[in-house]
Amino acid sequence: MGIYHFIAIGGIGMSGLAKYLLEDGHSVSGSDIADSKYISALKELGAKVTIGHNAENVPDGATVIVSTAIRDNNPELLRAKELGLKIYHRSDMLKEIAEQAQGVNKTFIGFSGTHGKTTTSGLCSYVLDKAGLEPSFVDGGIVPDIHTNAQHKSGKYFVAELDESDGTIVKYNPDILVINNLEEDHLDFYKNGMSDIIKTFNMAISHSKKVLVNNDNSGVNQLSGNFITYGLNNADYTAKNIEYSKEGTTFDIYKRGELLTAIRIQLSGVHNVYNTLAVVSALAEAGVNISDIKDCFYGFTGMGRRFQKVCDLNGIEVYDDYAHHPTEIKATLNSAALKFGKEHIVAVFQPHRYTRLQALWNEFKNAFDEAGRVIVTDVYAASEDKIEGITGERFASDINSEFIGGDMKSVAKSLLPTLKKGDIVIGLGAGTITALGKELENLELV
């Protein structure tokens, strides 16, 4: 068994890899700048975790795992180099885990694309688990009911979310690669925009045995290769007879013109039809009998931070959503409007990264049509330097919405007196906006 040390072990991606290795019998240690619920869960499984980065935290003989965010001057990384230890990027660790799974004849299903990869990988993991097929998985969010982002089990399927943000998606060799959609994003890495994204995914496709793509997405249609397709119109797998209600969504799935199954899900919005279609298609291609698993889809309530209800303030419901790209925001607000009515939606948007807000400024301007009220906060920098003129205040002015600056406690303090019973508050973003519900609740309790 191996010895692994994670620098910044507490994040959703790194903690998932660490948990998987612990359940596979390996020794795991790590460090982070702050404690978290993910770290607490790892400690319960036997991980040795230190708060703070120090050279002495690194065990002799360990393989050291880092993410793209770890800087070259990190004392633990410097110590690992001094000791001549093997240093893995987190994508290398996931690659090794996946290859080991394939080595014992597990089918590796990888979900990718600009949007929806956390939800589709999580939904796939959830359905397989609820059907009793004991999947192994490493996902980018907490799977509902299973209450984890990773697990190592004995079933014949290994599911993973494959991140494209730093180009590392080219490292994997999945048996089935699902590409949900492709749009311009992570332009700090993809300097030439869409052309670089397409180039990267074409390389990833060349490493995959079978590729499933969303045939309705214009970005995906720029890829080269022979694909199995899914979509709402001309595709190998299609969704028809879609009906939305407050209780969820029902539709039929056809495989090359033949009815495969009728599906019922709790979630709203056409993007969740696509997400379900992606998972059904992938599982059908992996040899799973869809009739045996179709009823498991309805229990899925969505991944953590994906339109997740966090509190109810005397008739004011507060939700948290990870959406930080215009397309994701549109999808979330569309789902909310279908369920609650546009006039009740109060969208609180924290722009994530100056580079993203600058590159997609006009797209963001058109992302809030399904909200009755929009509040914009300061930009969450995510370690980036400020860009002159790219501010939350200027963006709020540009879309004729409200601006509230300061930390989330200040935002909550300004926002709460303006809310009324029946409002549906949705925090949107990948930064500290996730604390909005807690801050509102704390104020309500005072």
Protein backbone atom coordinates (compact mmCIF):
# COMPACT_ATOMS: atom_id res chain seq x y z
CA MET A 1 0.00 0.00 0.00
CA GLY A 2 1.18 3.52 -0.82
CA ILE A 3 1.83 6.61 1.28
CA TYR A 4 0.21 9.81 -0.06
CA HIS A 5 0.46 13.40 1.16
CA PHE A 6 -1.95 16.07 -0.12
CA ILE A 7 -1.00 19.76 -0.06
CA ALA A 8 -4.36 21.56 0.38
CA ILE A 9 -6.30 18.41 1.19
CA GLY A 10 -9.52 20.17 2.21
CA GLY A 11 -10.92 21.13 -1.19
CA ILE A 12 -13.75 19.20 -2.81
CA GLY A 13 -11.51 17.65 -5.49
CA MET A 14 -8.47 16.84 -3.36
CA SER A 15 -10.54 15.46 -0.47
CA GLY A 16 -12.34 13.10 -2.85
CA LEU A 17 -9.07 11.62 -4.08
CA ALA A 18 -7.82 11.31 -0.49
CA LYS A 19 -11.01 9.55 0.62
CA TYR A 20 -10.82 7.10 -2.28
CA LEU A 21 -7.21 6.20 -1.40
CA LEU A 22 -8.08 5.74 2.29
CA GLU A 23 -10.91 3.36 1.41
CA ASP A 24 -8.50 1.49 -0.87
CA GLY A 25 -6.23 0.86 2.12
CA HIS A 26 -3.52 3.47 1.56
CA SER A 27 -1.90 5.76 4.15
CA VAL A 28 -2.97 9.39 3.66
CA SER A 29 -1.80 12.64 5.24
CA GLY A 30 -2.26 16.25 4.24
CA SER A 31 -2.36 19.89 5.17
CA ASP A 32 -4.51 22.94 4.54
CA ILE A 33 -4.76 26.53 5.66
CA ALA A 34 -8.11 26.00 7.40
CA ASP A 35 -10.23 23.18 8.79
CA SER A 36 -13.35 22.03 6.92
CA LYS A 37 -16.09 19.40 6.99
CA TYR A 38 -14.19 17.49 4.31
CA ILE A 39 -11.09 17.37 6.51
CA SER A 40 -13.17 16.14 9.47
CA ALA A 41 -14.51 13.28 7.35
CA LEU A 42 -10.99 12.33 6.24
CA LYS A 43 -9.73 12.32 9.82
CA GLU A 44 -12.51 9.90 10.78
CA LEU A 45 -11.21 7.55 8.09
CA GLY A 46 -7.67 7.72 9.49
CA ALA A 47 -6.02 10.58 7.60
CA LYS A 48 -3.44 12.64 9.46
CA VAL A 49 -4.19 16.29 8.63
CA THR A 50 -2.32 19.39 9.80
CA ILE A 51 -3.65 22.94 9.62
CA GLY A 52 -0.93 25.10 8.10
CA HIS A 53 1.70 24.32 5.48
CA ASN A 54 5.08 23.34 6.96
CA ALA A 55 7.99 21.37 5.52
CA GLU A 56 7.93 18.89 8.42
CA ASN A 57 4.40 17.79 7.46
CA VAL A 58 5.76 15.79 4.50
CA PRO A 59 6.31 12.09 5.34
CA ASP A 60 9.39 10.30 4.06
CA GLY A 61 8.68 8.14 1.03
CA ALA A 62 5.32 9.75 0.26
CA THR A 63 3.87 10.56 -3.12
CA VAL A 64 2.94 14.23 -2.84
CA ILE A 65 -0.29 15.47 -4.48
CA VAL A 66 -0.75 19.11 -5.50
CA SER A 67 -3.36 21.09 -7.41
CA THR A 68 -2.82 23.86 -9.96
CA ALA A 69 -3.38 26.39 -7.15
CA ILE A 70 -0.27 25.34 -5.20
CA ARG A 71 2.57 27.80 -5.76
CA ASP A 72 6.19 26.84 -6.37
CA ASN A 73 7.30 28.41 -3.09
CA ASN A 74 4.99 26.28 -0.92
CA PRO A 75 7.22 24.91 1.89
CA GLU A 76 5.85 21.38 1.58
CA LEU A 77 6.35 21.32 -2.16
CA LEU A 78 9.91 22.59 -1.70
CA ARG A 79 10.53 19.86 0.90
CA ALA A 80 9.16 17.17 -1.43
CA LYS A 81 11.55 18.31 -4.16
CA GLU A 82 14.44 18.37 -1.69
CA LEU A 83 13.68 14.77 -0.70
CA GLY A 84 13.32 13.71 -4.33
CA LEU A 85 9.75 12.49 -3.76
CA LYS A 86 7.32 11.71 -6.54
CA ILE A 87 5.08 14.76 -7.08
CA TYR A 88 1.67 14.30 -8.72
CA HIS A 89 -0.77 16.90 -9.93
CA ARG A 90 -4.23 15.87 -8.74
CA SER A 91 -5.08 14.89 -12.32
CA ASP A 92 -2.16 12.43 -12.29
CA MET A 93 -3.56 10.88 -9.13
CA LEU A 94 -7.01 10.53 -10.67
CA LYS A 95 -5.42 9.03 -13.79
CA GLU A 96 -3.62 6.42 -11.69
CA ILE A 97 -6.77 5.60 -9.72
CA ALA A 98 -8.77 5.22 -12.97
CA GLU A 99 -6.12 3.00 -14.55
CA GLN A 100 -6.05 0.78 -11.47
CA ALA A 101 -9.85 0.48 -11.68
CA GLN A 102 -9.63 -0.44 -15.35
CA GLY A 103 -6.91 -2.95 -14.46
CA VAL A 104 -9.44 -4.95 -12.43
CA ASN A 105 -11.99 -4.72 -15.28
CA LYS A 106 -14.03 -1.79 -14.05
CA THR A 107 -15.61 0.31 -16.80
CA PHE A 108 -14.34 3.90 -16.53
CA ILE A 109 -17.07 6.45 -17.36
CA GLY A 110 -15.83 10.05 -17.44
CA PHE A 111 -18.07 13.13 -17.59
CA SER A 112 -16.70 16.36 -19.05
CA GLY A 113 -17.66 19.64 -20.69
CA THR A 114 -17.98 23.27 -19.71
CA HIS A 115 -21.18 22.79 -17.70
CA GLY A 116 -22.96 19.95 -15.94
CA LYS A 117 -20.07 17.56 -15.37
CA THR A 118 -20.48 17.59 -11.58
CA THR A 119 -24.21 16.93 -11.87
CA THR A 120 -23.89 14.21 -14.53
CA SER A 121 -21.05 12.38 -12.77
CA GLY A 122 -22.94 12.67 -9.48
CA LEU A 123 -26.22 11.50 -11.00
CA CYS A 124 -24.49 8.53 -12.62
CA SER A 125 -22.82 7.59 -9.33
CA TYR A 126 -26.10 8.04 -7.43
CA VAL A 127 -28.16 5.88 -9.79
CA LEU A 128 -25.61 3.06 -9.87
CA ASP A 129 -25.34 3.12 -6.08
CA LYS A 130 -29.11 3.18 -5.49
CA ALA A 131 -29.50 0.30 -7.96
CA GLY A 132 -27.16 -1.76 -5.78
CA LEU A 133 -24.35 -1.89 -8.35
CA GLU A 134 -21.71 -0.65 -5.88
CA PRO A 135 -19.88 1.86 -8.09
CA SER A 136 -16.56 3.45 -7.31
CA PHE A 137 -16.45 7.17 -8.03
CA VAL A 138 -14.59 10.45 -7.62
CA ASP A 139 -16.95 13.37 -8.26
CA GLY A 140 -16.66 17.15 -7.95
CA GLY A 141 -19.47 17.52 -5.42
CA ILE A 142 -21.31 15.76 -2.63
CA VAL A 143 -23.71 13.11 -3.97
CA PRO A 144 -27.11 13.36 -2.22
CA ASP A 145 -28.14 10.56 0.15
CA ILE A 146 -24.69 8.95 -0.21
CA HIS A 147 -23.25 12.11 1.43
CA THR A 148 -19.81 11.84 -0.13
CA ASN A 149 -17.83 12.98 -3.16
CA ALA A 150 -15.95 9.68 -3.54
CA GLN A 151 -16.09 6.01 -2.67
CA HIS A 152 -14.17 2.81 -3.41
CA LYS A 153 -16.42 -0.24 -3.84
CA SER A 154 -16.39 -3.61 -5.55
CA GLY A 155 -18.81 -2.99 -8.43
CA LYS A 156 -17.71 -3.00 -12.06
CA TYR A 157 -18.14 0.75 -12.75
CA PHE A 158 -15.78 3.63 -11.99
CA VAL A 159 -17.25 7.12 -12.50
CA ALA A 160 -15.33 10.39 -12.46
CA GLU A 161 -15.72 14.06 -13.22
CA LEU A 162 -12.96 15.09 -15.65
CA ASP A 163 -11.93 18.72 -15.30
CA GLU A 164 -10.95 20.69 -18.39
CA SER A 165 -10.06 23.98 -16.70
CA ASP A 166 -6.29 23.45 -16.87
CA GLY A 167 -6.08 21.14 -19.90
CA THR A 168 -5.47 18.01 -17.84
CA ILE A 169 -8.45 16.20 -19.37
CA VAL A 170 -6.04 14.92 -22.04
CA LYS A 171 -4.40 12.62 -19.47
CA TYR A 172 -7.27 10.18 -19.12
CA ASN A 173 -8.21 7.07 -21.11
CA PRO A 174 -11.87 6.46 -20.29
CA ASP A 175 -13.87 3.57 -21.69
CA ILE A 176 -16.73 6.05 -22.14
CA LEU A 177 -16.18 9.81 -22.36
CA VAL A 178 -19.27 12.04 -22.14
CA ILE A 179 -18.99 15.63 -23.37
CA ASN A 180 -21.98 17.63 -22.15
CA ASN A 181 -21.24 20.90 -23.97
CA LEU A 182 -18.37 23.24 -24.85
CA GLU A 183 -18.23 27.02 -24.49
CA GLU A 184 -15.59 29.66 -23.86
CA ASP A 185 -14.46 29.52 -20.24
CA HIS A 186 -11.20 29.37 -18.24
CA LEU A 187 -9.74 31.90 -20.65
CA ASP A 188 -6.84 32.49 -18.26
CA PHE A 189 -5.64 29.06 -19.46
CA TYR A 190 -7.20 28.84 -22.95
CA LYS A 191 -5.55 31.99 -24.33
CA ASN A 192 -6.97 31.49 -27.84
CA GLY A 193 -10.47 30.80 -26.58
CA MET A 194 -12.60 28.24 -28.34
CA SER A 195 -9.90 27.06 -30.74
CA ASP A 196 -7.70 25.97 -27.81
CA ILE A 197 -10.66 24.28 -26.09
CA ILE A 198 -11.52 22.31 -29.24
CA LYS A 199 -7.88 21.32 -29.71
CA THR A 200 -7.71 20.03 -26.14
CA PHE A 201 -10.94 18.03 -26.41
CA ASN A 202 -9.96 16.54 -29.75
CA MET A 203 -6.86 15.21 -28.02
CA ALA A 204 -8.96 13.85 -25.14
CA ILE A 205 -11.26 12.14 -27.65
CA SER A 206 -8.30 10.36 -29.24
CA HIS A 207 -7.60 8.65 -25.87
CA SER A 208 -11.17 7.45 -25.32
CA LYS A 209 -12.66 4.14 -26.45
CA LYS A 210 -16.22 5.44 -26.86
CA VAL A 211 -17.37 9.09 -26.95
CA LEU A 212 -20.89 10.40 -26.26
CA VAL A 213 -21.67 14.01 -27.15
CA ASN A 214 -24.56 16.45 -26.84
CA ASN A 215 -25.54 16.85 -30.48
CA ASP A 216 -27.47 20.07 -29.81
CA ASN A 217 -24.45 22.06 -28.62
CA SER A 218 -22.68 24.24 -31.17
CA GLY A 219 -19.33 23.96 -29.40
CA VAL A 220 -19.44 20.18 -29.38
CA ASN A 221 -20.27 20.21 -33.10
CA GLN A 222 -16.82 21.69 -33.79
CA LEU A 223 -15.15 18.47 -32.60
CA SER A 224 -13.73 15.86 -34.95
CA GLY A 225 -14.53 12.15 -34.71
CA ASN A 226 -17.17 9.45 -34.75
CA PHE A 227 -19.51 9.93 -31.82
CA ILE A 228 -22.58 8.45 -30.22
CA THR A 229 -24.97 11.39 -29.88
CA TYR A 230 -27.74 12.48 -27.54
CA GLY A 231 -30.08 15.46 -27.79
CA LEU A 232 -33.65 16.62 -28.25
CA ASN A 233 -33.77 16.23 -32.03
CA ASN A 234 -31.63 14.21 -34.43
CA ALA A 235 -29.47 11.98 -32.23
CA ASP A 236 -28.87 8.35 -31.28
CA TYR A 237 -30.52 8.99 -27.91
CA THR A 238 -33.36 11.54 -27.83
CA ALA A 239 -35.71 12.94 -25.18
CA LYS A 240 -39.32 13.45 -26.28
CA ASN A 241 -42.69 14.29 -24.73
CA ILE A 242 -41.09 16.50 -22.06
CA GLU A 243 -43.50 17.79 -19.41
CA TYR A 244 -42.57 20.16 -16.56
CA SER A 245 -44.43 20.63 -13.30
CA LYS A 246 -43.74 21.80 -9.77
CA GLU A 247 -43.17 18.15 -8.86
CA GLY A 248 -40.43 17.74 -11.48
CA THR A 249 -40.08 16.62 -15.08
CA THR A 250 -41.20 13.59 -17.08
CA PHE A 251 -40.07 12.53 -20.57
CA ASP A 252 -39.45 9.55 -22.82
CA ILE A 253 -36.01 8.48 -24.03
CA TYR A 254 -35.64 6.89 -27.45
CA LYS A 255 -32.61 4.96 -28.66
CA ARG A 256 -32.27 5.21 -32.44
CA GLY A 257 -36.02 5.61 -32.84
CA GLU A 258 -37.07 2.87 -30.40
CA LEU A 259 -38.55 3.73 -26.99
CA LEU A 260 -35.92 2.90 -24.38
CA THR A 261 -37.61 4.12 -21.21
CA ALA A 262 -39.89 6.69 -19.62
CA ILE A 263 -38.11 8.80 -16.99
CA ARG A 264 -39.32 10.89 -14.07
CA ILE A 265 -36.99 13.29 -12.24
CA GLN A 266 -37.48 15.77 -9.38
CA LEU A 267 -35.41 18.49 -11.06
CA SER A 268 -36.69 21.23 -13.36
CA GLY A 269 -35.22 22.87 -16.46
CA VAL A 270 -34.19 21.62 -19.88
CA HIS A 271 -30.56 21.38 -18.74
CA ASN A 272 -31.61 18.63 -16.34
CA VAL A 273 -33.28 16.79 -19.21
CA TYR A 274 -29.91 16.92 -21.00
CA ASN A 275 -28.09 15.81 -17.83
CA THR A 276 -30.39 12.82 -17.40
CA LEU A 277 -30.16 11.96 -21.09
CA ALA A 278 -26.35 12.02 -20.86
CA VAL A 279 -26.36 9.57 -17.94
CA VAL A 280 -28.94 7.22 -19.45
CA SER A 281 -26.99 7.16 -22.73
CA ALA A 282 -23.68 6.47 -20.97
CA LEU A 283 -25.11 3.69 -18.82
CA ALA A 284 -26.87 2.08 -21.79
CA GLU A 285 -23.59 2.12 -23.72
CA ALA A 286 -21.84 0.63 -20.67
CA GLY A 287 -24.22 -2.33 -20.80
CA VAL A 288 -26.49 -1.42 -17.87
CA ASN A 289 -30.11 -2.56 -18.22
CA ILE A 290 -31.97 0.78 -18.09
CA SER A 291 -35.22 -0.89 -17.00
CA ASP A 292 -33.47 -2.01 -13.83
CA ILE A 293 -32.31 1.50 -12.87
CA LYS A 294 -34.86 3.96 -14.29
CA ASP A 295 -36.78 4.38 -11.01
CA CYS A 296 -33.58 5.42 -9.21
CA PHE A 297 -33.43 8.72 -11.11
CA TYR A 298 -36.35 10.29 -9.25
CA GLY A 299 -34.58 10.16 -5.88
CA PHE A 300 -31.76 12.42 -7.07
CA THR A 301 -32.21 15.91 -5.58
CA GLY A 302 -29.14 17.55 -7.12
CA MET A 303 -25.51 17.90 -6.11
CA GLY A 304 -24.31 20.05 -3.23
CA ARG A 305 -24.18 23.74 -4.25
CA ARG A 306 -26.43 23.06 -7.26
CA PHE A 307 -29.64 24.93 -6.43
CA GLN A 308 -29.28 23.69 -2.87
CA LYS A 309 -31.72 25.02 -0.29
CA VAL A 310 -29.74 26.24 2.71
CA CYS A 311 -32.36 27.90 4.93
CA ASP A 312 -35.88 29.29 5.27
CA LEU A 313 -36.21 32.68 6.95
CA ASN A 314 -39.89 32.81 7.92
CA GLY A 315 -41.14 32.30 4.39
CA ILE A 316 -38.04 33.58 2.57
CA GLU A 317 -36.23 30.60 1.02
CA VAL A 318 -32.48 30.87 0.44
CA TYR A 319 -30.64 28.71 -2.10
CA ASP A 320 -26.96 28.30 -2.92
CA ASP A 321 -25.75 27.60 -6.46
CA TYR A 322 -22.25 27.17 -7.88
CA ALA A 323 -23.20 28.78 -11.22
CA HIS A 324 -20.42 31.17 -12.22
CA HIS A 325 -20.67 31.12 -16.02
CA PRO A 326 -23.47 32.88 -17.96
CA THR A 327 -24.91 29.63 -19.33
CA GLU A 328 -24.98 28.07 -15.86
CA ILE A 329 -26.68 31.15 -14.39
CA LYS A 330 -29.31 31.10 -17.14
CA ALA A 331 -30.01 27.42 -16.48
CA THR A 332 -30.33 27.88 -12.72
CA LEU A 333 -32.63 30.91 -13.00
CA ASN A 334 -34.72 29.19 -15.67
CA SER A 335 -35.26 26.23 -13.33
CA ALA A 336 -36.13 28.53 -10.45
CA ALA A 337 -38.56 30.58 -12.53
CA LEU A 338 -40.31 27.41 -13.75
CA LYS A 339 -40.78 26.30 -10.16
CA PHE A 340 -41.46 29.56 -8.28
CA GLY A 341 -42.24 32.25 -10.85
CA LYS A 342 -39.82 34.91 -12.07
CA GLU A 343 -41.31 37.65 -9.89
CA HIS A 344 -40.18 35.84 -6.71
CA ILE A 345 -36.55 35.31 -7.73
CA VAL A 346 -33.87 37.45 -6.04
CA ALA A 347 -30.51 36.62 -7.66
CA VAL A 348 -27.37 37.58 -5.70
CA PHE A 349 -24.41 37.28 -8.07
CA GLN A 350 -20.78 37.23 -6.96
CA PRO A 351 -18.61 37.43 -10.12
CA HIS A 352 -15.84 34.81 -9.98
CA ARG A 353 -12.45 35.93 -11.33
CA TYR A 354 -11.71 39.25 -13.00
CA THR A 355 -10.60 37.49 -16.19
CA ARG A 356 -13.92 35.64 -16.55
CA LEU A 357 -16.04 38.73 -15.93
CA GLN A 358 -13.96 40.71 -18.43
CA ALA A 359 -14.01 38.02 -21.15
CA LEU A 360 -17.73 37.21 -20.81
CA TRP A 361 -19.07 40.64 -19.81
CA ASN A 362 -21.75 40.80 -22.54
CA GLU A 363 -22.78 37.19 -21.97
CA PHE A 364 -23.21 37.87 -18.25
CA LYS A 365 -25.35 40.92 -19.08
CA ASN A 366 -27.89 38.62 -20.75
CA ALA A 367 -27.86 35.92 -18.06
CA PHE A 368 -30.34 37.36 -15.55
CA ASP A 369 -33.57 37.65 -17.56
CA GLU A 370 -35.36 35.08 -15.39
CA ALA A 371 -34.75 36.96 -12.12
CA GLY A 372 -37.20 39.48 -10.74
CA ARG A 373 -34.43 41.27 -8.87
CA VAL A 374 -30.61 41.16 -9.24
CA ILE A 375 -27.95 42.14 -6.71
CA VAL A 376 -24.25 42.13 -7.67
CA THR A 377 -21.42 41.91 -5.13
CA ASP A 378 -17.69 42.56 -5.33
CA VAL A 379 -15.68 40.23 -7.59
CA TYR A 380 -14.24 37.11 -5.95
CA ALA A 381 -10.62 37.25 -7.12
CA ALA A 382 -9.67 33.57 -6.69
CA SER A 383 -5.99 34.63 -6.38
CA GLU A 384 -6.13 36.87 -9.48
CA ASP A 385 -4.92 40.46 -9.57
CA LYS A 386 -7.51 43.19 -10.10
CA ILE A 387 -8.19 44.40 -13.65
CA GLU A 388 -8.87 48.10 -13.97
CA GLY A 389 -12.51 48.82 -14.76
CA ILE A 390 -13.66 45.23 -14.14
CA THR A 391 -15.70 45.54 -10.95
CA GLY A 392 -18.96 44.28 -9.54
CA GLU A 393 -20.15 47.84 -9.08
CA ARG A 394 -19.59 48.73 -12.75
CA PHE A 395 -21.25 45.51 -13.89
CA ALA A 396 -24.28 46.19 -11.67
CA SER A 397 -24.58 49.65 -13.19
CA ASP A 398 -24.31 48.22 -16.70
CA ILE A 399 -27.28 45.90 -16.15
CA ASN A 400 -29.28 48.42 -14.10
CA SER A 401 -29.22 46.26 -11.00
CA GLU A 402 -28.24 46.81 -7.37
CA PHE A 403 -24.71 46.61 -5.97
CA ILE A 404 -23.73 45.64 -2.43
CA GLY A 405 -20.02 45.65 -1.61
CA GLY A 406 -18.02 44.15 1.24
CA ASP A 407 -17.82 40.65 2.69
CA MET A 408 -20.79 38.27 2.83
CA LYS A 409 -21.73 39.41 6.32
CA SER A 410 -22.04 42.98 4.99
CA VAL A 411 -24.00 41.80 1.96
CA ALA A 412 -26.41 39.86 4.17
CA LYS A 413 -26.84 42.80 6.55
CA SER A 414 -27.79 45.14 3.68
CA LEU A 415 -29.95 42.57 1.90
CA LEU A 416 -32.07 41.16 4.72
CA PRO A 417 -34.22 44.26 5.48
CA THR A 418 -35.19 44.49 1.78
CA LEU A 419 -36.53 40.93 1.54
CA LYS A 420 -40.18 39.97 1.88
CA LYS A 421 -42.10 36.78 2.48
CA GLY A 422 -42.29 34.67 -0.68
CA ASP A 423 -38.89 35.79 -2.01
CA ILE A 424 -36.58 33.07 -3.34
CA VAL A 425 -32.99 34.23 -2.77
CA ILE A 426 -30.38 32.46 -4.90
CA GLY A 427 -26.67 33.03 -4.26
CA LEU A 428 -24.77 32.52 -7.52
CA GLY A 429 -21.01 32.01 -7.76
CA ALA A 430 -18.01 29.84 -6.94
CA GLY A 431 -16.54 31.97 -4.14
CA THR A 432 -17.62 33.15 -0.69
CA ILE A 433 -21.23 33.61 -1.86
CA THR A 434 -21.81 30.12 -0.46
CA ALA A 435 -21.81 31.75 3.01
CA LEU A 436 -24.73 34.08 2.19
CA GLY A 437 -27.44 31.78 3.56
CA LYS A 438 -25.57 31.23 6.82
CA GLU A 439 -24.99 34.97 7.26
CA LEU A 440 -28.67 35.74 6.59
CA GLU A 441 -29.70 33.06 9.04
CA ASN A 442 -27.34 34.38 11.73
CA LEU A 443 -28.86 37.85 11.36
CA GLU A 444 -32.37 36.43 11.55
CA LEU A 445 -31.53 34.66 14.81
CA VAL A 446 -30.16 37.81 16.49
